[in-house]
Amino acid sequence: MEINVDVELDLSGLQCPMPLLKAKLALNEMQPTQILKVIATDPGSEKDFHLFVNQSNHQILNFQKEKHAYFYWIRKG
């Protein structure tokens, strides 16, 4: 799946709650419908990001979980 990304954040090495906080700050600076790609290594980010989008008008377009990394493509609502 090819998703055109407007902003990419590599948050590798950061622990909860920093990946989510930095992603929220980035989304605040973006225009509606723009796409944010987040790379995180914190296992807690999986639960955090999914809860966050369920409580907001943002949408996870794609999520990939690899051995040591988590990838999120989030469309700003």
PDB file of N, CA and C in Angstrom:
ATOM      1  N   MET A   1       0.854  -1.184   0.000  1.00  0.00           N
ATOM      2  CA  MET A   1       0.000   0.000   0.000  1.00  0.00           C
ATOM      3  C   MET A   1       0.892   1.237   0.000  1.00  0.00           C
ATOM      4  N   GLU A   2       0.692   2.100  -0.960  1.00  0.00           N
ATOM      5  CA  GLU A   2       1.460   3.335  -1.072  1.00  0.00           C
ATOM      6  C   GLU A   2       0.630   4.490  -0.522  1.00  0.00           C
ATOM      7  N   ILE A   3       1.143   5.121   0.520  1.00  0.00           N
ATOM      8  CA  ILE A   3       0.463   6.256   1.129  1.00  0.00           C
ATOM      9  C   ILE A   3       1.380   7.462   1.036  1.00  0.00           C
ATOM     10  N   ASN A   4       0.888   8.529   0.434  1.00  0.00           N
ATOM     11  CA  ASN A   4       1.667   9.757   0.357  1.00  0.00           C
ATOM     12  C   ASN A   4       1.675  10.432   1.716  1.00  0.00           C
ATOM     13  N   VAL A   5       2.864  10.638   2.253  1.00  0.00           N
ATOM     14  CA  VAL A   5       3.039  11.169   3.601  1.00  0.00           C
ATOM     15  C   VAL A   5       3.402  12.641   3.530  1.00  0.00           C
ATOM     16  N   ASP A   6       2.750  13.454   4.372  1.00  0.00           N
ATOM     17  CA  ASP A   6       3.064  14.881   4.440  1.00  0.00           C
ATOM     18  C   ASP A   6       4.137  15.172   5.487  1.00  0.00           C
ATOM     19  N   VAL A   7       4.094  14.457   6.602  1.00  0.00           N
ATOM     20  CA  VAL A   7       5.060  14.639   7.687  1.00  0.00           C
ATOM     21  C   VAL A   7       5.445  13.262   8.209  1.00  0.00           C
ATOM     22  N   GLU A   8       6.746  13.059   8.445  1.00  0.00           N
ATOM     23  CA  GLU A   8       7.215  11.797   9.007  1.00  0.00           C
ATOM     24  C   GLU A   8       7.981  12.076  10.296  1.00  0.00           C
ATOM     25  N   LEU A   9       7.642  11.325  11.343  1.00  0.00           N
ATOM     26  CA  LEU A   9       8.311  11.448  12.640  1.00  0.00           C
ATOM     27  C   LEU A   9       8.947  10.114  12.998  1.00  0.00           C
ATOM     28  N   ASP A  10      10.252  10.128  13.235  1.00  0.00           N
ATOM     29  CA  ASP A  10      10.927   8.935  13.728  1.00  0.00           C
ATOM     30  C   ASP A  10      11.118   9.117  15.226  1.00  0.00           C
ATOM     31  N   LEU A  11      10.307   8.426  16.003  1.00  0.00           N
ATOM     32  CA  LEU A  11      10.327   8.553  17.462  1.00  0.00           C
ATOM     33  C   LEU A  11      10.962   7.336  18.116  1.00  0.00           C
ATOM     34  N   SER A  12      11.832   6.675  17.371  1.00  0.00           N
ATOM     35  CA  SER A  12      12.522   5.498  17.878  1.00  0.00           C
ATOM     36  C   SER A  12      13.306   5.844  19.134  1.00  0.00           C
ATOM     37  N   GLY A  13      13.219   4.947  20.110  1.00  0.00           N
ATOM     38  CA  GLY A  13      13.963   5.123  21.347  1.00  0.00           C
ATOM     39  C   GLY A  13      13.229   5.893  22.428  1.00  0.00           C
ATOM     40  N   LEU A  14      12.144   6.580  22.070  1.00  0.00           N
ATOM     41  CA  LEU A  14      11.376   7.322  23.060  1.00  0.00           C
ATOM     42  C   LEU A  14      10.392   6.402  23.757  1.00  0.00           C
ATOM     43  N   GLN A  15      10.218   6.608  25.052  1.00  0.00           N
ATOM     44  CA  GLN A  15       9.306   5.791  25.844  1.00  0.00           C
ATOM     45  C   GLN A  15       8.011   6.562  26.119  1.00  0.00           C
ATOM     46  N   CYS A  16       6.961   5.809  26.408  1.00  0.00           N
ATOM     47  CA  CYS A  16       5.660   6.354  26.743  1.00  0.00           C
ATOM     48  C   CYS A  16       5.813   7.408  27.845  1.00  0.00           C
ATOM     49  N   PRO A  17       5.186   8.542  27.727  1.00  0.00           N
ATOM     50  CA  PRO A  17       4.168   8.947  26.751  1.00  0.00           C
ATOM     51  C   PRO A  17       4.713   9.792  25.600  1.00  0.00           C
ATOM     52  N   MET A  18       6.040   9.890  25.464  1.00  0.00           N
ATOM     53  CA  MET A  18       6.625  10.819  24.490  1.00  0.00           C
ATOM     54  C   MET A  18       6.221  10.572  23.035  1.00  0.00           C
ATOM     55  N   PRO A  19       6.165   9.321  22.537  1.00  0.00           N
ATOM     56  CA  PRO A  19       5.763   9.160  21.130  1.00  0.00           C
ATOM     57  C   PRO A  19       4.383   9.762  20.845  1.00  0.00           C
ATOM     58  N   LEU A  20       3.432   9.518  21.721  1.00  0.00           N
ATOM     59  CA  LEU A  20       2.087  10.049  21.505  1.00  0.00           C
ATOM     60  C   LEU A  20       2.070  11.570  21.637  1.00  0.00           C
ATOM     61  N   LEU A  21       2.765  12.105  22.618  1.00  0.00           N
ATOM     62  CA  LEU A  21       2.788  13.565  22.794  1.00  0.00           C
ATOM     63  C   LEU A  21       3.409  14.255  21.584  1.00  0.00           C
ATOM     64  N   LYS A  22       4.511  13.727  21.076  1.00  0.00           N
ATOM     65  CA  LYS A  22       5.153  14.334  19.906  1.00  0.00           C
ATOM     66  C   LYS A  22       4.279  14.197  18.659  1.00  0.00           C
ATOM     67  N   ALA A  23       3.580  13.084  18.535  1.00  0.00           N
ATOM     68  CA  ALA A  23       2.667  12.916  17.402  1.00  0.00           C
ATOM     69  C   ALA A  23       1.513  13.906  17.493  1.00  0.00           C
ATOM     70  N   LYS A  24       0.973  14.118  18.694  1.00  0.00           N
ATOM     71  CA  LYS A  24      -0.108  15.093  18.871  1.00  0.00           C
ATOM     72  C   LYS A  24       0.348  16.491  18.493  1.00  0.00           C
ATOM     73  N   LEU A  25       1.566  16.867  18.910  1.00  0.00           N
ATOM     74  CA  LEU A  25       2.102  18.188  18.562  1.00  0.00           C
ATOM     75  C   LEU A  25       2.236  18.339  17.048  1.00  0.00           C
ATOM     76  N   ALA A  26       2.712  17.297  16.394  1.00  0.00           N
ATOM     77  CA  ALA A  26       2.855  17.339  14.931  1.00  0.00           C
ATOM     78  C   ALA A  26       1.485  17.474  14.266  1.00  0.00           C
ATOM     79  N   LEU A  27       0.505  16.711  14.726  1.00  0.00           N
ATOM     80  CA  LEU A  27      -0.843  16.789  14.149  1.00  0.00           C
ATOM     81  C   LEU A  27      -1.444  18.179  14.333  1.00  0.00           C
ATOM     82  N   ASN A  28      -1.158  18.815  15.458  1.00  0.00           N
ATOM     83  CA  ASN A  28      -1.674  20.168  15.703  1.00  0.00           C
ATOM     84  C   ASN A  28      -1.163  21.173  14.674  1.00  0.00           C
ATOM     85  N   GLU A  29       0.011  20.921  14.112  1.00  0.00           N
ATOM     86  CA  GLU A  29       0.616  21.828  13.128  1.00  0.00           C
ATOM     87  C   GLU A  29       0.182  21.517  11.692  1.00  0.00           C
ATOM     88  N   MET A  30      -0.508  20.405  11.507  1.00  0.00           N
ATOM     89  CA  MET A  30      -0.858  19.954  10.158  1.00  0.00           C
ATOM     90  C   MET A  30      -2.265  20.408   9.758  1.00  0.00           C
ATOM     91  N   GLN A  31      -2.531  20.358   8.459  1.00  0.00           N
ATOM     92  CA  GLN A  31      -3.836  20.698   7.915  1.00  0.00           C
ATOM     93  C   GLN A  31      -4.717  19.442   7.882  1.00  0.00           C
ATOM     94  N   PRO A  32      -6.044  19.609   7.970  1.00  0.00           N
ATOM     95  CA  PRO A  32      -6.940  18.451   7.862  1.00  0.00           C
ATOM     96  C   PRO A  32      -6.671  17.649   6.593  1.00  0.00           C
ATOM     97  N   THR A  33      -6.766  16.366   6.714  1.00  0.00           N
ATOM     98  CA  THR A  33      -6.554  15.330   5.683  1.00  0.00           C
ATOM     99  C   THR A  33      -5.080  15.072   5.370  1.00  0.00           C
ATOM    100  N   GLN A  34      -4.154  15.838   5.954  1.00  0.00           N
ATOM    101  CA  GLN A  34      -2.742  15.523   5.745  1.00  0.00           C
ATOM    102  C   GLN A  34      -2.408  14.226   6.490  1.00  0.00           C
ATOM    103  N   ILE A  35      -1.329  13.574   6.033  1.00  0.00           N
ATOM    104  CA  ILE A  35      -0.949  12.274   6.574  1.00  0.00           C
ATOM    105  C   ILE A  35       0.348  12.399   7.370  1.00  0.00           C
ATOM    106  N   LEU A  36       0.309  11.863   8.587  1.00  0.00           N
ATOM    107  CA  LEU A  36       1.476  11.791   9.459  1.00  0.00           C
ATOM    108  C   LEU A  36       1.918  10.340   9.542  1.00  0.00           C
ATOM    109  N   LYS A  37       3.188  10.088   9.254  1.00  0.00           N
ATOM    110  CA  LYS A  37       3.751   8.752   9.446  1.00  0.00           C
ATOM    111  C   LYS A  37       4.598   8.792  10.708  1.00  0.00           C
ATOM    112  N   VAL A  38       4.360   7.856  11.620  1.00  0.00           N
ATOM    113  CA  VAL A  38       5.102   7.778  12.872  1.00  0.00           C
ATOM    114  C   VAL A  38       5.811   6.430  12.943  1.00  0.00           C
ATOM    115  N   ILE A  39       7.079   6.486  13.320  1.00  0.00           N
ATOM    116  CA  ILE A  39       7.862   5.281  13.581  1.00  0.00           C
ATOM    117  C   ILE A  39       8.175   5.301  15.074  1.00  0.00           C
ATOM    118  N   ALA A  40       7.798   4.251  15.774  1.00  0.00           N
ATOM    119  CA  ALA A  40       8.028   4.176  17.211  1.00  0.00           C
ATOM    120  C   ALA A  40       8.581   2.800  17.565  1.00  0.00           C
ATOM    121  N   THR A  41       9.315   2.750  18.685  1.00  0.00           N
ATOM    122  CA  THR A  41       9.845   1.474  19.149  1.00  0.00           C
ATOM    123  C   THR A  41       9.243   1.065  20.492  1.00  0.00           C
ATOM    124  N   ASP A  42       8.491   1.942  21.111  1.00  0.00           N
ATOM    125  CA  ASP A  42       7.872   1.655  22.406  1.00  0.00           C
ATOM    126  C   ASP A  42       6.653   0.755  22.208  1.00  0.00           C
ATOM    127  N   PRO A  43       6.647  -0.447  22.792  1.00  0.00           N
ATOM    128  CA  PRO A  43       5.491  -1.347  22.630  1.00  0.00           C
ATOM    129  C   PRO A  43       4.181  -0.727  23.118  1.00  0.00           C
ATOM    130  N   GLY A  44       4.239   0.168  24.093  1.00  0.00           N
ATOM    131  CA  GLY A  44       3.036   0.819  24.597  1.00  0.00           C
ATOM    132  C   GLY A  44       2.391   1.748  23.588  1.00  0.00           C
ATOM    133  N   SER A  45       3.146   2.125  22.552  1.00  0.00           N
ATOM    134  CA  SER A  45       2.589   3.040  21.554  1.00  0.00           C
ATOM    135  C   SER A  45       1.422   2.412  20.804  1.00  0.00           C
ATOM    136  N   GLU A  46       1.422   1.091  20.652  1.00  0.00           N
ATOM    137  CA  GLU A  46       0.338   0.434  19.912  1.00  0.00           C
ATOM    138  C   GLU A  46      -1.006   0.721  20.581  1.00  0.00           C
ATOM    139  N   LYS A  47      -1.086   0.500  21.869  1.00  0.00           N
ATOM    140  CA  LYS A  47      -2.327   0.772  22.594  1.00  0.00           C
ATOM    141  C   LYS A  47      -2.615   2.274  22.627  1.00  0.00           C
ATOM    142  N   ASP A  48      -1.584   3.085  22.898  1.00  0.00           N
ATOM    143  CA  ASP A  48      -1.758   4.537  23.023  1.00  0.00           C
ATOM    144  C   ASP A  48      -2.316   5.161  21.746  1.00  0.00           C
ATOM    145  N   PHE A  49      -1.724   4.831  20.610  1.00  0.00           N
ATOM    146  CA  PHE A  49      -2.149   5.449  19.348  1.00  0.00           C
ATOM    147  C   PHE A  49      -3.560   5.028  18.950  1.00  0.00           C
ATOM    148  N   HIS A  50      -3.883   3.748  19.159  1.00  0.00           N
ATOM    149  CA  HIS A  50      -5.231   3.297  18.804  1.00  0.00           C
ATOM    150  C   HIS A  50      -6.286   3.935  19.713  1.00  0.00           C
ATOM    151  N   LEU A  51      -6.003   4.061  20.998  1.00  0.00           N
ATOM    152  CA  LEU A  51      -6.936   4.743  21.904  1.00  0.00           C
ATOM    153  C   LEU A  51      -7.087   6.211  21.521  1.00  0.00           C
ATOM    154  N   PHE A  52      -5.971   6.850  21.197  1.00  0.00           N
ATOM    155  CA  PHE A  52      -5.982   8.265  20.832  1.00  0.00           C
ATOM    156  C   PHE A  52      -6.886   8.534  19.628  1.00  0.00           C
ATOM    157  N   VAL A  53      -6.727   7.749  18.558  1.00  0.00           N
ATOM    158  CA  VAL A  53      -7.558   8.018  17.373  1.00  0.00           C
ATOM    159  C   VAL A  53      -9.027   7.690  17.624  1.00  0.00           C
ATOM    160  N   ASN A  54      -9.299   6.724  18.501  1.00  0.00           N
ATOM    161  CA  ASN A  54     -10.697   6.417  18.837  1.00  0.00           C
ATOM    162  C   ASN A  54     -11.360   7.565  19.587  1.00  0.00           C
ATOM    163  N   GLN A  55     -10.571   8.382  20.271  1.00  0.00           N
ATOM    164  CA  GLN A  55     -11.099   9.502  21.046  1.00  0.00           C
ATOM    165  C   GLN A  55     -10.947  10.831  20.316  1.00  0.00           C
ATOM    166  N   SER A  56     -10.527  10.789  19.064  1.00  0.00           N
ATOM    167  CA  SER A  56     -10.340  12.012  18.285  1.00  0.00           C
ATOM    168  C   SER A  56     -10.989  11.823  16.917  1.00  0.00           C
ATOM    169  N   ASN A  57     -10.842  12.822  16.075  1.00  0.00           N
ATOM    170  CA  ASN A  57     -11.392  12.671  14.720  1.00  0.00           C
ATOM    171  C   ASN A  57     -10.300  12.292  13.718  1.00  0.00           C
ATOM    172  N   HIS A  58      -9.150  11.844  14.212  1.00  0.00           N
ATOM    173  CA  HIS A  58      -8.080  11.372  13.344  1.00  0.00           C
ATOM    174  C   HIS A  58      -8.337   9.901  13.002  1.00  0.00           C
ATOM    175  N   GLN A  59      -7.604   9.400  11.999  1.00  0.00           N
ATOM    176  CA  GLN A  59      -7.828   8.030  11.544  1.00  0.00           C
ATOM    177  C   GLN A  59      -6.491   7.356  11.253  1.00  0.00           C
ATOM    178  N   ILE A  60      -6.314   6.142  11.754  1.00  0.00           N
ATOM    179  CA  ILE A  60      -5.142   5.352  11.377  1.00  0.00           C
ATOM    180  C   ILE A  60      -5.463   4.680  10.047  1.00  0.00           C
ATOM    181  N   LEU A  61      -4.736   5.084   9.013  1.00  0.00           N
ATOM    182  CA  LEU A  61      -4.950   4.511   7.679  1.00  0.00           C
ATOM    183  C   LEU A  61      -4.274   3.159   7.555  1.00  0.00           C
ATOM    184  N   ASN A  62      -3.130   3.026   8.207  1.00  0.00           N
ATOM    185  CA  ASN A  62      -2.384   1.777   8.136  1.00  0.00           C
ATOM    186  C   ASN A  62      -1.542   1.657   9.398  1.00  0.00           C
ATOM    187  N   PHE A  63      -1.328   0.422   9.837  1.00  0.00           N
ATOM    188  CA  PHE A  63      -0.501   0.131  10.999  1.00  0.00           C
ATOM    189  C   PHE A  63       0.315  -1.103  10.686  1.00  0.00           C
ATOM    190  N   GLN A  64       1.625  -1.025  10.913  1.00  0.00           N
ATOM    191  CA  GLN A  64       2.486  -2.182  10.701  1.00  0.00           C
ATOM    192  C   GLN A  64       3.317  -2.404  11.953  1.00  0.00           C
ATOM    193  N   LYS A  65       3.383  -3.642  12.357  1.00  0.00           N
ATOM    194  CA  LYS A  65       4.149  -4.026  13.535  1.00  0.00           C
ATOM    195  C   LYS A  65       5.261  -4.945  13.069  1.00  0.00           C
ATOM    196  N   GLU A  66       6.486  -4.527  13.328  1.00  0.00           N
ATOM    197  CA  GLU A  66       7.630  -5.358  12.994  1.00  0.00           C
ATOM    198  C   GLU A  66       8.309  -5.782  14.291  1.00  0.00           C
ATOM    199  N   LYS A  67       9.403  -6.499  14.183  1.00  0.00           N
ATOM    200  CA  LYS A  67      10.032  -7.070  15.367  1.00  0.00           C
ATOM    201  C   LYS A  67      10.373  -6.000  16.412  1.00  0.00           C
ATOM    202  N   HIS A  68      10.953  -4.879  15.976  1.00  0.00           N
ATOM    203  CA  HIS A  68      11.392  -3.859  16.925  1.00  0.00           C
ATOM    204  C   HIS A  68      10.817  -2.484  16.629  1.00  0.00           C
ATOM    205  N   ALA A  69       9.806  -2.394  15.783  1.00  0.00           N
ATOM    206  CA  ALA A  69       9.271  -1.075  15.433  1.00  0.00           C
ATOM    207  C   ALA A  69       7.785  -1.162  15.108  1.00  0.00           C
ATOM    208  N   TYR A  70       7.138  -0.023  15.295  1.00  0.00           N
ATOM    209  CA  TYR A  70       5.709   0.138  15.012  1.00  0.00           C
ATOM    210  C   TYR A  70       5.568   1.324  14.068  1.00  0.00           C
ATOM    211  N   PHE A  71       4.776   1.149  13.021  1.00  0.00           N
ATOM    212  CA  PHE A  71       4.596   2.186  12.011  1.00  0.00           C
ATOM    213  C   PHE A  71       3.119   2.553  11.939  1.00  0.00           C
ATOM    214  N   TYR A  72       2.850   3.850  11.974  1.00  0.00           N
ATOM    215  CA  TYR A  72       1.478   4.364  11.926  1.00  0.00           C
ATOM    216  C   TYR A  72       1.376   5.392  10.817  1.00  0.00           C
ATOM    217  N   TRP A  73       0.311   5.307  10.033  1.00  0.00           N
ATOM    218  CA  TRP A  73      -0.026   6.336   9.058  1.00  0.00           C
ATOM    219  C   TRP A  73      -1.351   6.921   9.536  1.00  0.00           C
ATOM    220  N   ILE A  74      -1.316   8.158   9.976  1.00  0.00           N
ATOM    221  CA  ILE A  74      -2.472   8.791  10.589  1.00  0.00           C
ATOM    222  C   ILE A  74      -2.938   9.971   9.734  1.00  0.00           C
ATOM    223  N   ARG A  75      -4.234   9.950   9.376  1.00  0.00           N
ATOM    224  CA  ARG A  75      -4.821  11.083   8.646  1.00  0.00           C
ATOM    225  C   ARG A  75      -5.419  12.034   9.667  1.00  0.00           C
ATOM    226  N   LYS A  76      -5.004  13.293   9.571  1.00  0.00           N
ATOM    227  CA  LYS A  76      -5.552  14.292  10.478  1.00  0.00           C
ATOM    228  C   LYS A  76      -7.016  14.542  10.143  1.00  0.00           C
ATOM    229  N   GLY A  77      -7.842  14.561  11.181  1.00  0.00           N
ATOM    230  CA  GLY A  77      -9.275  14.796  11.012  1.00  0.00           C
ATOM    231  C   GLY A  77      -9.619  16.254  10.944  1.00  0.00           C
TER     232      GLY A  77
END
